[in-house]
Amino acid sequence: MGKLKKFIHRLIGQLGYIFLPRSMRMAIIKSMILAEESAPPRDSVRWMLGVYDYIATNIDAQAIRWGNGVHIKHELMDGIHSFFYTHIPEGANVLDLGCGYGVVANSIAIHSNAHVLGIDFSEHHIKFAQTNYKNPNLRFIKGDVFKDIPDMSSVDVIVLSSVLEHLEGRIEFLRNLTARFKPKKFLIRVPTLERNHYVALKRELGLSPFLDKTHVLEYTTAIFAEEMDKSGLLINSCEIRWGDIWAECVPQP
């Protein structure tokens, strides 16, 4: 039944695209928003935030299509890759956990001449990475970052880009990685919770303020600092860029 419903919605959308020009579709959207002026403001804001989230999700979907399978943000956002490869020594051994489609791992291998092992739970992500990135210093495997990381003789850097916010048991996870691999540093990127005032609106209305329904946490700088300290890591550098925290952390002596 769910598949049928999805097919009908897509068919209606395609027919609308064929028969209604964009200007007419925009007029319909505007009329729907104007109709909210007569509703209680809290109800209107709640409804429009739902529309906003729906549109944002679909913008990302189309941006991935635009980038031929990789979100176009990787080409447009300054520093999204350079943060990682400029903090990685030439020829280092790198473990990229939750590597996704492998685009960051590939960039690290190119610019740092590093040997990178990327691990992700998604078979689709790993197949994409293996098919599209052929640098000899790259290796990708499907696996759970909690239990499927293979033994490695040396790990200089562990990369966690947009990963921690999806995980429970983060402190134990980081401590176990440090004890097992003894990396010289972690390079971490996580989303900030206080990115705009919509977060406050969603909280007031009892809605989830998170960017992604799979997130279990989004960070403030204070929360991040406390979690790193409890994980036995010192923050060498930390900055806010594109609404995310980007940090270089090293094991405490």
Foldseek 3Di string as FASTA:
>chain_A
DVVVVVVVVVVVVVVCPVPPPPVVVVVVVVVVLVVCVPPPPLVSLVVVVVVVLVVVVVVQVVQCVVVVNRRCCVVVFPPPQVLPQVPDAAAFEEEEEQCFLVPSVLSNCVRRVYQYEYEHQDPVSQVNNVVPRDPPSYHYDYDDLQPPDDQDPAHAEYEAEQHLQLDDPSLVSLLVCCVRHVYFKYKYKFAALPQDCVLVSCVVSVHHSDSDPSGPDGHDPVRVCVSCVSSQWDWPDWDAGPRMIITIIGGHD
